[in-house]
Protein backbone atom coordinates (compact mmCIF):
# COMPACT_ATOMS: atom_id res chain seq x y z
CA MET A 1 0.00 0.00 0.00
CA ALA A 2 1.44 3.34 -1.03
CA LEU A 3 2.05 5.97 1.63
CA LEU A 4 0.73 9.48 1.20
CA ASN A 5 3.27 12.25 0.95
CA SER A 6 3.37 14.32 4.13
CA GLU A 7 2.28 17.46 2.30
CA ASP A 8 -0.97 15.67 1.38
CA TRP A 9 -2.08 15.20 4.97
CA TYR A 10 0.10 17.42 7.21
CA ASP A 11 -2.19 20.46 7.39
CA ILE A 12 -5.26 18.36 8.13
CA ALA A 13 -3.55 16.48 10.96
CA ARG A 14 -1.94 19.58 12.42
CA ASP A 15 -5.03 21.79 12.30
CA THR A 16 -7.37 19.34 13.96
CA ASN A 17 -9.46 21.10 16.62
CA TRP A 18 -12.67 20.21 18.41
CA THR A 19 -15.68 21.72 20.08
CA PRO A 20 -15.96 20.52 23.70
CA ARG A 21 -19.24 18.80 24.59
CA TYR A 22 -18.87 17.93 28.27
CA VAL A 23 -17.19 21.09 29.55
CA SER A 24 -17.23 24.70 28.50
CA GLU A 25 -14.57 26.24 26.30
CA GLN A 26 -13.56 28.41 29.27
CA ALA A 27 -13.16 25.35 31.50
CA LEU A 28 -11.06 23.58 28.88
CA PHE A 29 -8.92 26.61 28.14
CA PRO A 30 -8.99 29.01 31.12
CA LYS A 31 -7.91 32.41 29.84
CA GLU A 32 -5.41 32.82 32.70
CA LEU A 33 -3.56 29.79 31.34
CA SER A 34 -4.41 30.02 27.64
CA ASP A 35 -4.84 33.60 26.47
CA VAL A 36 -5.54 36.52 28.79
CA LEU A 37 -6.30 38.71 25.77
CA GLU A 38 -8.95 36.25 24.50
CA MET A 39 -8.07 36.52 20.84
CA PRO A 40 -10.66 35.10 18.39
CA LEU A 41 -10.43 31.35 17.93
CA GLU A 42 -10.85 31.66 14.18
CA LEU A 43 -7.70 33.79 14.11
CA LEU A 44 -5.72 31.38 16.29
CA GLU A 45 -6.70 28.50 14.04
CA THR A 46 -4.75 30.14 11.20
CA PHE A 47 -1.47 29.46 13.05
CA ASP A 48 1.09 28.32 10.48
CA GLU A 49 4.67 27.59 11.48
CA PRO A 50 7.59 28.04 9.05
CA TYR A 51 9.11 24.66 10.04
CA LYS A 52 7.05 21.67 8.93
CA VAL A 53 7.87 18.36 10.60
CA THR A 54 6.05 15.08 11.09
CA TYR A 55 6.54 12.90 14.12
CA ARG A 56 8.12 10.16 12.03
CA ASP A 57 10.66 12.52 10.52
CA TYR A 58 11.20 14.22 13.87
CA VAL A 59 12.16 10.96 15.60
CA LYS A 60 14.46 9.97 12.74
CA THR A 61 16.28 13.31 12.81
CA GLN A 62 16.61 13.39 16.59
CA ARG A 63 17.98 9.87 16.64
CA GLU A 64 20.65 10.91 14.14
CA LYS A 65 21.57 13.91 16.27
CA ASP A 66 21.91 11.78 19.37
CA VAL A 67 24.01 9.20 17.56
CA GLY A 68 26.34 11.94 16.37
CA ALA A 69 26.67 13.68 19.77
CA TYR A 70 27.10 10.53 21.86
CA SER A 71 29.44 8.92 19.33
CA VAL A 72 31.79 11.90 19.42
CA LYS A 73 31.59 11.88 23.21
CA ALA A 74 32.49 8.19 23.35
CA ALA A 75 35.32 8.56 20.83
CA LEU A 76 36.91 11.40 22.81
CA ALA A 77 36.33 9.90 26.26
CA ARG A 78 40.05 9.22 26.72
CA SER A 79 41.34 12.33 24.96
CA GLN A 80 42.51 14.17 28.11
CA MET A 81 40.86 17.30 26.71
CA TYR A 82 39.60 18.46 30.09
CA GLU A 83 42.90 17.82 31.84
CA ASN A 84 44.71 19.83 29.17
CA ALA A 85 42.16 22.64 28.92
CA SER A 86 42.94 26.14 30.15
CA PRO A 87 41.57 27.14 33.57
CA GLY A 88 39.24 29.55 31.79
CA TRP A 89 37.70 26.86 29.60
CA LYS A 90 37.25 24.63 32.63
CA ALA A 91 35.46 27.48 34.40
CA LEU A 92 33.24 27.99 31.36
CA LEU A 93 32.23 24.32 31.29
CA GLN A 94 31.59 24.23 35.04
CA MET A 95 29.50 27.39 34.91
CA HIS A 96 27.58 26.34 31.80
CA PHE A 97 26.47 22.91 32.97
CA GLY A 98 25.35 24.19 36.37
CA ALA A 99 23.50 27.21 34.97
CA VAL A 100 21.98 25.78 31.77
CA SER A 101 21.07 22.15 32.50
CA PHE A 102 18.20 22.94 34.85
CA LEU A 103 16.87 25.63 32.48
CA GLU A 104 16.63 23.00 29.75
CA TYR A 105 14.70 20.73 32.08
CA HIS A 106 12.40 23.54 33.23
CA SER A 107 11.63 24.32 29.60
CA VAL A 108 10.11 20.85 29.22
CA SER A 109 7.19 21.87 31.44
CA ALA A 110 7.01 25.32 29.80
CA PHE A 111 6.37 23.74 26.41
CA ALA A 112 4.05 21.19 27.98
CA ARG A 113 1.90 24.04 29.30
CA MET A 114 1.73 25.50 25.79
CA THR A 115 0.78 22.07 24.47
CA ARG A 116 -2.06 21.73 26.97
CA PHE A 117 -3.38 25.28 27.05
CA GLY A 118 -2.59 26.66 23.60
CA ARG A 119 -5.87 27.23 21.80
CA ALA A 120 -4.24 27.22 18.37
CA PRO A 121 -3.92 23.59 17.15
CA GLY A 122 -0.78 24.35 15.15
CA MET A 123 0.78 25.90 18.23
CA ARG A 124 -0.02 22.80 20.29
CA ASN A 125 1.58 20.63 17.62
CA MET A 126 4.79 22.63 17.60
CA ALA A 127 4.88 22.90 21.40
CA THR A 128 4.65 19.11 21.66
CA PHE A 129 7.85 18.83 19.65
CA GLY A 130 9.27 21.63 21.82
CA SER A 131 8.74 19.57 24.97
CA LEU A 132 10.47 16.60 23.36
CA ASP A 133 13.31 18.89 22.26
CA GLU A 134 13.87 20.26 25.74
CA MET A 135 13.71 16.79 27.26
CA ARG A 136 16.51 15.70 24.95
CA HIS A 137 18.49 18.86 25.71
CA ALA A 138 18.22 18.24 29.45
CA GLN A 139 19.22 14.60 29.05
CA VAL A 140 22.25 15.35 26.89
CA HIS A 141 23.39 18.10 29.28
CA LEU A 142 23.07 15.84 32.30
CA TYR A 143 24.83 12.95 30.56
CA PHE A 144 27.77 15.05 29.41
CA ALA A 145 28.07 16.70 32.84
CA TYR A 146 27.96 13.30 34.55
CA GLU A 147 30.89 12.15 32.44
CA TYR A 148 32.90 15.08 33.85
CA LEU A 149 32.17 14.21 37.48
CA ALA A 150 35.32 12.10 37.68
CA LYS A 151 37.25 15.26 36.75
CA SER A 152 35.63 17.76 39.11
CA ARG A 153 32.87 17.81 41.70
CA THR A 154 31.66 21.11 40.26
CA PHE A 155 29.78 19.22 37.55
CA ASP A 156 27.44 17.76 40.17
CA TRP A 157 25.71 21.14 40.02
CA ALA A 158 24.17 20.15 36.70
CA GLN A 159 21.94 17.91 38.86
CA LYS A 160 22.06 19.85 42.10
CA ALA A 161 21.42 23.45 41.00
CA PRO A 162 17.59 23.44 40.88
CA ARG A 163 17.44 22.05 44.42
CA THR A 164 19.45 24.92 45.87
CA ASP A 165 18.98 28.58 46.73
CA ASN A 166 22.35 29.63 45.40
CA TRP A 167 22.13 33.34 44.56
CA VAL A 168 22.96 32.72 40.88
CA ILE A 169 20.24 30.08 40.63
CA ILE A 170 17.71 32.31 42.40
CA SER A 171 18.40 34.98 39.78
CA GLU A 172 17.90 32.57 36.87
CA ARG A 173 14.84 30.98 38.40
CA HIS A 174 13.18 34.34 39.01
CA THR A 175 13.71 35.38 35.39
CA PHE A 176 12.55 32.23 33.67
CA ASP A 177 9.70 31.43 36.02
CA ASP A 178 8.42 34.86 35.05
CA LEU A 179 8.75 34.22 31.32
CA GLU A 180 7.90 30.53 31.07
CA HIS A 181 5.83 29.29 33.99
CA THR A 182 3.62 32.08 35.28
CA ARG A 183 2.12 33.45 32.06
CA ASP A 184 -0.67 32.36 29.78
CA ALA A 185 0.42 30.17 26.85
CA ILE A 186 0.50 32.94 24.25
CA SER A 187 2.39 35.42 26.45
CA ALA A 188 4.88 32.70 27.42
CA ALA A 189 5.43 31.87 23.75
CA ILE A 190 6.07 35.51 22.82
CA MET A 191 8.46 36.02 25.74
CA THR A 192 10.24 32.67 25.52
CA ASN A 193 10.11 31.53 21.90
CA PHE A 194 10.44 34.96 20.30
CA ALA A 195 12.26 37.32 22.66
CA PHE A 196 14.52 34.71 24.30
CA GLU A 197 15.10 31.95 21.76
CA THR A 198 15.00 34.00 18.56
CA ALA A 199 17.16 36.76 20.02
CA PHE A 200 19.55 34.85 22.27
CA THR A 201 19.71 31.07 22.60
CA ASN A 202 19.82 30.07 18.95
CA LEU A 203 22.74 32.35 18.19
CA GLN A 204 24.41 31.68 21.53
CA PHE A 205 24.72 27.98 20.76
CA ILE A 206 26.25 28.76 17.36
CA ALA A 207 28.90 31.07 18.80
CA LEU A 208 29.67 28.89 21.81
CA SER A 209 29.94 25.82 19.60
CA ALA A 210 32.48 27.63 17.40
CA ASP A 211 34.51 28.70 20.44
CA ALA A 212 34.47 25.12 21.73
CA ALA A 213 35.78 23.80 18.43
CA ASN A 214 38.52 26.45 18.42
CA CYS A 215 39.54 25.30 21.90
CA GLY A 216 39.65 21.66 20.79
CA ASP A 217 36.58 20.70 22.80
CA PHE A 218 34.84 18.85 19.98
CA SER A 219 32.63 16.89 22.36
CA PHE A 220 31.06 20.06 23.80
CA SER A 221 30.90 21.64 20.34
CA THR A 222 29.01 18.67 18.89
CA MET A 223 26.59 18.64 21.82
CA LEU A 224 25.77 22.31 21.28
CA GLN A 225 25.32 21.84 17.54
CA SER A 226 22.82 19.05 18.15
CA ILE A 227 20.81 21.41 20.38
CA GLN A 228 21.01 24.50 18.17
CA SER A 229 18.97 23.10 15.29
CA ASP A 230 16.12 22.30 17.70
CA GLU A 231 16.23 25.83 19.09
CA ALA A 232 16.00 27.27 15.59
CA ARG A 233 12.83 25.28 14.94
CA HIS A 234 10.78 25.71 18.10
CA ALA A 235 11.90 29.34 18.47
CA GLN A 236 9.50 29.98 15.59
CA ILE A 237 6.40 29.31 17.70
CA GLY A 238 6.33 32.93 18.80
CA GLU A 239 6.36 34.58 15.37
CA PRO A 240 2.91 33.51 14.14
CA LEU A 241 1.40 34.43 17.52
CA LEU A 242 3.09 37.83 17.45
CA LYS A 243 1.65 38.50 14.01
CA MET A 244 -1.80 37.49 15.25
CA MET A 245 -1.56 39.90 18.16
CA ILE A 246 -0.67 42.71 15.76
CA ASP A 247 -3.46 41.80 13.33
CA SER A 248 -6.02 41.70 16.14
CA GLY A 249 -5.12 45.18 17.40
CA ARG A 250 -2.99 44.06 20.33
CA LYS A 251 0.32 45.49 19.17
CA ALA A 252 0.84 47.53 22.36
CA GLU A 253 0.42 44.43 24.54
CA ALA A 254 2.84 42.49 22.31
CA GLN A 255 5.39 45.31 22.47
CA LYS A 256 5.28 45.31 26.27
CA LEU A 257 5.82 41.54 26.43
CA ILE A 258 8.88 41.87 24.19
CA ASP A 259 10.26 44.88 26.07
CA ILE A 260 10.02 43.07 29.40
CA SER A 261 11.36 39.71 28.30
CA PHE A 262 14.19 41.00 26.11
CA TRP A 263 15.67 43.02 29.00
CA ARG A 264 15.25 40.19 31.50
CA CYS A 265 16.93 37.74 29.13
CA TRP A 266 19.67 40.24 28.32
CA LYS A 267 20.77 40.48 31.94
CA GLN A 268 21.10 36.71 32.29
CA PHE A 269 22.74 36.36 28.90
CA SER A 270 25.24 39.13 29.64
CA ALA A 271 26.32 37.69 33.00
CA LEU A 272 26.71 34.17 31.59
CA SER A 273 27.91 34.61 28.02
CA GLY A 274 29.62 37.97 28.42
CA THR A 275 31.99 36.73 31.08
CA CYS A 276 32.62 33.49 29.18
CA MET A 277 33.44 35.22 25.88
CA ASP A 278 35.53 38.13 27.17
CA TYR A 279 37.24 36.54 30.19
CA TYR A 280 37.04 32.72 30.24
CA THR A 281 37.73 31.86 26.58
CA PRO A 282 41.51 31.68 25.98
CA LEU A 283 42.75 34.87 24.35
CA ASP A 284 44.16 33.18 21.26
CA LYS A 285 40.87 31.38 20.64
CA ARG A 286 38.56 34.41 20.66
CA GLU A 287 37.01 35.29 17.32
CA GLY A 288 35.59 38.55 18.63
CA SER A 289 34.38 40.36 21.71
CA PHE A 290 31.04 39.92 23.40
CA LYS A 291 30.09 43.43 22.25
CA GLU A 292 30.89 42.58 18.63
CA PHE A 293 28.89 39.38 18.92
CA MET A 294 25.92 41.27 20.36
CA ASN A 295 25.99 43.98 17.69
CA GLU A 296 26.40 41.68 14.72
CA TRP A 297 24.56 38.51 15.66
CA ILE A 298 21.78 39.70 17.94
CA LEU A 299 21.02 43.42 17.84
CA ASP A 300 21.06 43.91 14.07
CA GLN A 301 19.20 40.69 13.31
CA PHE A 302 16.68 41.09 16.11
CA VAL A 303 15.89 44.67 15.11
CA ALA A 304 15.45 43.56 11.50
CA LYS A 305 13.08 40.83 12.65
CA LEU A 306 11.06 43.30 14.72
CA GLU A 307 10.84 45.83 11.92
CA ASP A 308 9.81 43.18 9.40
CA MET A 309 6.87 42.37 11.66
CA GLY A 310 5.89 45.99 12.18
CA MET A 311 7.21 46.19 15.74
CA GLU A 312 9.54 48.75 17.29
CA LYS A 313 12.79 48.45 19.16
CA PRO A 314 12.33 48.35 22.94
CA TRP A 315 12.02 51.86 24.34
CA TYR A 316 15.27 51.49 26.31
CA TRP A 317 17.45 50.69 23.27
CA ASP A 318 20.00 53.45 23.95
CA LEU A 319 20.33 52.25 27.55
CA LEU A 320 20.88 48.71 26.26
CA LEU A 321 23.71 49.87 24.00
CA GLU A 322 25.37 51.51 27.01
CA ASP A 323 24.83 48.39 29.10
CA ILE A 324 26.56 46.21 26.50
CA GLU A 325 29.73 48.22 27.08
CA VAL A 326 29.84 47.75 30.86
CA PHE A 327 27.44 45.33 32.54
CA HIS A 328 29.28 42.04 32.05
CA HIS A 329 32.60 43.65 33.05
CA ALA A 330 31.05 44.70 36.35
CA GLN A 331 29.52 41.26 36.85
CA GLN A 332 32.88 39.62 36.17
CA LEU A 333 34.37 41.65 39.02
CA GLY A 334 31.56 40.55 41.33
CA ILE A 335 31.85 36.92 40.26
CA TYR A 336 35.59 36.93 40.94
CA LEU A 337 35.37 38.68 44.29
CA TYR A 338 32.52 36.51 45.60
CA ARG A 339 33.99 33.30 44.16
CA PRO A 340 33.41 31.19 47.31
CA THR A 341 29.63 31.55 46.76
CA GLU A 342 29.77 29.97 43.29
CA TRP A 343 30.06 26.32 42.31
CA TRP A 344 32.59 26.90 39.51
CA HIS A 345 36.23 28.01 39.74
CA PRO A 346 36.34 31.59 38.36
CA ILE A 347 39.38 33.09 36.73
CA ALA A 348 40.28 36.77 36.42
CA GLY A 349 41.04 36.86 32.70
CA THR A 350 42.99 40.08 33.21
CA ASN A 351 46.67 39.37 32.67
CA PRO A 352 48.57 42.10 30.75
CA ALA A 353 47.82 40.64 27.31
CA GLU A 354 44.16 40.14 28.14
CA ARG A 355 43.90 43.68 29.47
CA ALA A 356 45.36 45.04 26.25
CA TRP A 357 42.70 43.14 24.31
CA LEU A 358 39.94 44.42 26.62
CA GLU A 359 41.17 48.00 26.20
CA GLU A 360 41.18 47.58 22.42
CA LYS A 361 37.66 46.16 22.35
CA TYR A 362 36.27 48.43 25.08
CA PRO A 363 38.19 51.74 24.99
CA GLY A 364 38.51 53.17 28.49
CA TRP A 365 38.43 49.76 30.21
CA ASN A 366 41.78 50.37 31.94
CA ASP A 367 40.67 53.68 33.41
CA THR A 368 37.47 52.17 34.79
CA PHE A 369 37.32 48.46 35.51
CA GLY A 370 41.09 48.18 35.22
CA GLN A 371 41.51 50.38 38.29
CA VAL A 372 39.61 47.86 40.41
CA TRP A 373 41.67 44.99 39.03
CA ASP A 374 44.82 46.97 39.90
CA VAL A 375 43.81 46.90 43.56
CA ILE A 376 43.07 43.17 43.37
CA ILE A 377 46.45 42.55 41.77
CA GLU A 378 48.29 44.53 44.44
CA ASN A 379 46.53 42.63 47.22
CA ILE A 380 47.37 39.27 45.68
CA ARG A 381 51.00 40.25 45.07
CA ALA A 382 51.27 41.33 48.71
CA GLY A 383 49.77 38.04 49.92
CA ARG A 384 46.60 39.72 51.16
CA LEU A 385 44.26 37.14 49.66
CA ASP A 386 41.59 37.78 52.30
CA SER A 387 41.35 41.32 50.97
CA THR A 388 40.20 39.98 47.61
CA ILE A 389 37.04 38.51 49.13
CA PRO A 390 34.51 41.05 50.52
CA LYS A 391 33.48 40.68 54.14
CA THR A 392 29.88 41.73 53.45
CA LEU A 393 27.24 40.55 51.02
CA PRO A 394 26.48 42.67 47.94
CA MET A 395 23.26 44.52 47.23
CA LEU A 396 21.23 42.60 44.64
CA CYS A 397 18.76 44.01 42.15
CA ASN A 398 15.17 43.09 43.00
CA MET A 399 14.49 42.40 39.33
CA HIS A 400 17.41 40.61 37.70
CA GLY A 401 18.79 39.28 41.01
CA LEU A 402 22.41 40.07 40.17
CA GLU A 403 24.63 42.60 41.87
CA LEU A 404 23.92 46.32 41.71
CA THR A 405 26.91 47.59 39.79
CA GLY A 406 28.16 50.72 38.08
CA VAL A 407 31.22 51.93 36.22
CA PRO A 408 34.23 52.49 38.54
CA GLY A 409 36.95 55.10 38.24
CA ARG A 410 36.30 58.65 37.08
CA LYS A 411 33.11 57.50 35.34
CA TRP A 412 31.60 56.26 38.61
CA ASN A 413 27.84 56.21 38.07
CA LEU A 414 26.32 53.66 40.42
CA LYS A 415 22.75 54.59 41.30
CA ASP A 416 20.29 52.63 43.38
CA HIS A 417 16.85 53.06 41.82
CA THR A 418 14.37 52.50 44.64
CA LEU A 419 10.63 51.99 44.85
CA ASP A 420 8.48 51.76 47.96
CA TYR A 421 5.58 49.35 47.54
CA GLN A 422 3.23 48.09 50.27
CA GLY A 423 5.61 48.99 53.06
CA ARG A 424 8.73 47.48 51.51
CA ARG A 425 11.57 49.21 49.69
CA TYR A 426 12.81 47.60 46.47
CA HIS A 427 16.20 48.24 44.87
CA PHE A 428 16.90 48.18 41.13
CA GLN A 429 19.96 48.32 38.89
CA SER A 430 18.36 50.63 36.33
CA VAL A 431 15.25 52.51 35.31
CA VAL A 432 14.40 49.56 33.07
CA ASP A 433 14.40 47.05 35.93
CA LYS A 434 12.26 49.44 37.96
CA TRP A 435 9.90 49.96 35.00
CA ILE A 436 9.37 46.21 34.66
CA PHE A 437 8.41 45.96 38.32
CA GLU A 438 5.98 48.86 37.96
CA GLN A 439 4.11 47.15 35.11
CA GLU A 440 2.90 44.34 37.38
CA PRO A 441 4.03 45.01 40.96
CA GLU A 442 1.79 42.28 42.35
CA ARG A 443 3.67 39.75 40.19
CA TYR A 444 7.10 40.60 41.61
CA ALA A 445 6.45 42.05 45.07
CA GLY A 446 6.72 38.85 47.09
CA HIS A 447 10.02 37.62 45.72
CA LEU A 448 12.99 37.52 48.09
CA SER A 449 16.57 37.61 46.90
CA LEU A 450 19.28 36.05 49.04
CA ILE A 451 20.02 39.48 50.51
CA ASP A 452 16.34 40.07 51.27
CA ARG A 453 16.29 36.80 53.18
CA VAL A 454 19.26 37.89 55.27
CA ALA A 455 17.83 41.38 55.84
CA GLN A 456 14.49 39.95 57.00
CA GLY A 457 16.14 37.48 59.38
CA ILE A 458 15.10 34.40 57.39
CA VAL A 459 18.76 33.50 56.89
CA ALA A 460 21.47 34.26 59.46
CA PRO A 461 24.48 36.14 58.03
CA ASP A 462 26.75 33.26 59.05
CA GLY A 463 24.37 30.71 57.55
CA VAL A 464 24.36 31.91 53.95
CA MET A 465 26.49 29.10 52.54
CA GLU A 466 24.40 26.47 54.29
CA HIS A 467 21.21 28.13 53.01
CA MET A 468 22.61 27.90 49.48
CA ASN A 469 23.23 24.18 50.08
CA MET A 470 26.98 24.53 49.53
CA ALA A 471 29.33 22.24 51.41
CA PRO A 472 32.78 23.69 52.22
CA GLU A 473 34.43 21.47 49.61
CA GLU A 474 32.08 22.99 47.01
CA TYR A 475 33.05 26.62 47.60
CA GLY A 476 34.39 28.24 44.46
CA ILE A 477 38.15 28.71 44.34
CA GLU A 478 40.46 30.78 42.15
CA GLY A 479 40.77 28.78 38.96
CA THR A 480 44.45 29.49 38.33
CA ASN A 481 45.62 29.49 41.94
CA TYR A 482 46.55 33.15 41.28
CA ALA A 483 49.18 32.22 38.72
CA TRP A 484 47.96 34.97 36.38
CA VAL A 485 49.37 37.68 38.67
CA GLU A 486 52.91 36.44 38.03
CA ALA A 487 52.81 38.25 34.68
CA TYR A 488 52.85 41.59 36.50
CA ASP A 489 55.93 43.33 37.87
CA ASP A 490 56.60 46.43 39.96
CA ALA A 491 55.94 48.67 36.98
CA LEU A 492 52.24 48.29 37.81
CA THR A 493 52.34 51.16 40.29
CA THR A 494 53.96 53.41 37.71
CA ARG A 495 51.36 52.48 35.08
CA ARG A 496 48.54 53.31 37.48
CA ALA A 497 50.06 56.67 38.32
CA THR A 498 50.70 57.69 34.72
CA GLY A 499 47.67 56.03 33.15
CA THR A 500 49.84 54.33 30.56
């Protein structure tokens, strides 16, 4: 018996919908979980995704991806790549698996919610594949991390992270619970599949995979490549929904969803990828700076995508361009100084050659962030290692959950943007973070950062590490054992004084 070609039956199978007989439409698809804007069903039923895939072809393709990724992993199991890797690349791997693995797993349920509560049949079809994608991504992350456990205990955080209240994990969880798990299906798709995956994750995996290959880590590179093609496909769920919102007169609501989610994702992306690209990746393996990557791969392409769909750039675009120049540099300082509170082994990435590169890519770096690193260097050279770890906890932003930072040196501009709401004062990194809170204060008001928990007496100041579920042997340590400082000599004081 001859088989029909997929194009002969795909649309019929994908577009299948039904009229409920035993419950109401509202009971089957509560608007709080499905669509708070209550767009017309006849419009939603026109959902048409650019990627067409059948389950049979999907399984075949995914099997081939897994065979490729796991085969490369098995072939390189005895390659000594990790043992021979630079301290920076080791830190990148440790940070990545702890920070990303649980996000992949959490995305399984995010897509499952879209599958259950999406009113558009085509959307449900694509979200089903999305859940399967994210399940595979979580499994491959956990498997690859498990293989590294014999090398370093830090990789246990691929499994452990979601069960902790580490301050980095709290920050991630707050962001992606907001975007993925506490919105209706359509809003979650716009914020996750369009603003996050179209703008950030798809391109991140391409760039990180290239860096991995340049560093000789072909196992990690192949794993990322096998994930990237999935991201490119299910990232497209948001586009048809965004067009529907515009066509139905809900452009303003769509713009707000994008403005909120793009900024929230940017902060996480900057702290993770910015530090990895500009500080952790070995200098001779860098193809460009984080700023260049952002401008070429994300900003230009994302703006073009928005304009093609009749949308506008987020209102804070000029502030974003300024943030690209400084935010991840400030976060790198905080990460290095508070290294005992992190599960990975941070490196400075600021030896003389690296500083020259940073100054070239970010003119003025030496007169700002470089001044802080000068103090760190002097303390290490004098054996005052305790002086490189702050005695107090930092102030954290009540939106992105990372440290409140500014630009040091003569350009010092740190400002705490505060808001009093229902008897509690909230602190924000920027006017954008504060603006997001003001859009839905009831959504964010109850959240407690690690610092909030200490300030309210929930966590004792001397019990922070225990609260974060970190055993002493898990405290982050300096990844190079301070060997990078050996490249400096006594001319440092002269350079600081003259500015040369």
